[in-house]
Amino acid sequence: MLKSIAAIIFVASSVPALAQMTPEGLWRNVDDKTGEAKAEIRIRDTGGTLSGALEKRLSKDAKPDEVCNECTDDRKGKPILGLEIIRGARKAEGKDVWESGKILDPENGRNYTLRMTPIEGGKKLEVRGSIGPFGRTQTWVRIQ
């Protein structure tokens, strides 16, 4: 009986740790050049794929009514606040890596191939956007 209770407590306490090794949640990204917090992005599971929307802009020069003029797809002219910037990311088989999706940079309207990897026990997320062999990686910090 005591072993059963201990096993239940162990499993229950390990579930939150496992749940954190996913990109799902609220993240803060930081500008590569200035080191300034730039935005908060909420990533959700939408039927086996992940999508992410810009939930809050933190940059001091961000305009609340700004739209994505540079976008070339269905997001053209849509408000940047609330804009879906992550689409179609799927978990790689046997790895804590999500890829095969796209990430949009609303500042230039470009879509990049996406790869997301939770690190430091899910407290941070490495987000890589690339076109061919060229790209950059940002480290986002989990808020929730």
Foldseek 3Di string as FASTA:
>chain_A
DVVVVVVVVVVVVCVVLVVLLAPAAKWWFADPPPRHTFFIKGWDDDPQFIWIATAGGDDPPDDQQDALCQADDPRHRPGNHGDTFKDGWHADPPASKTFPIWGADSVRNDIFGWMWGQPPSNQKIWIWGHDPPDTDITIIGGPD
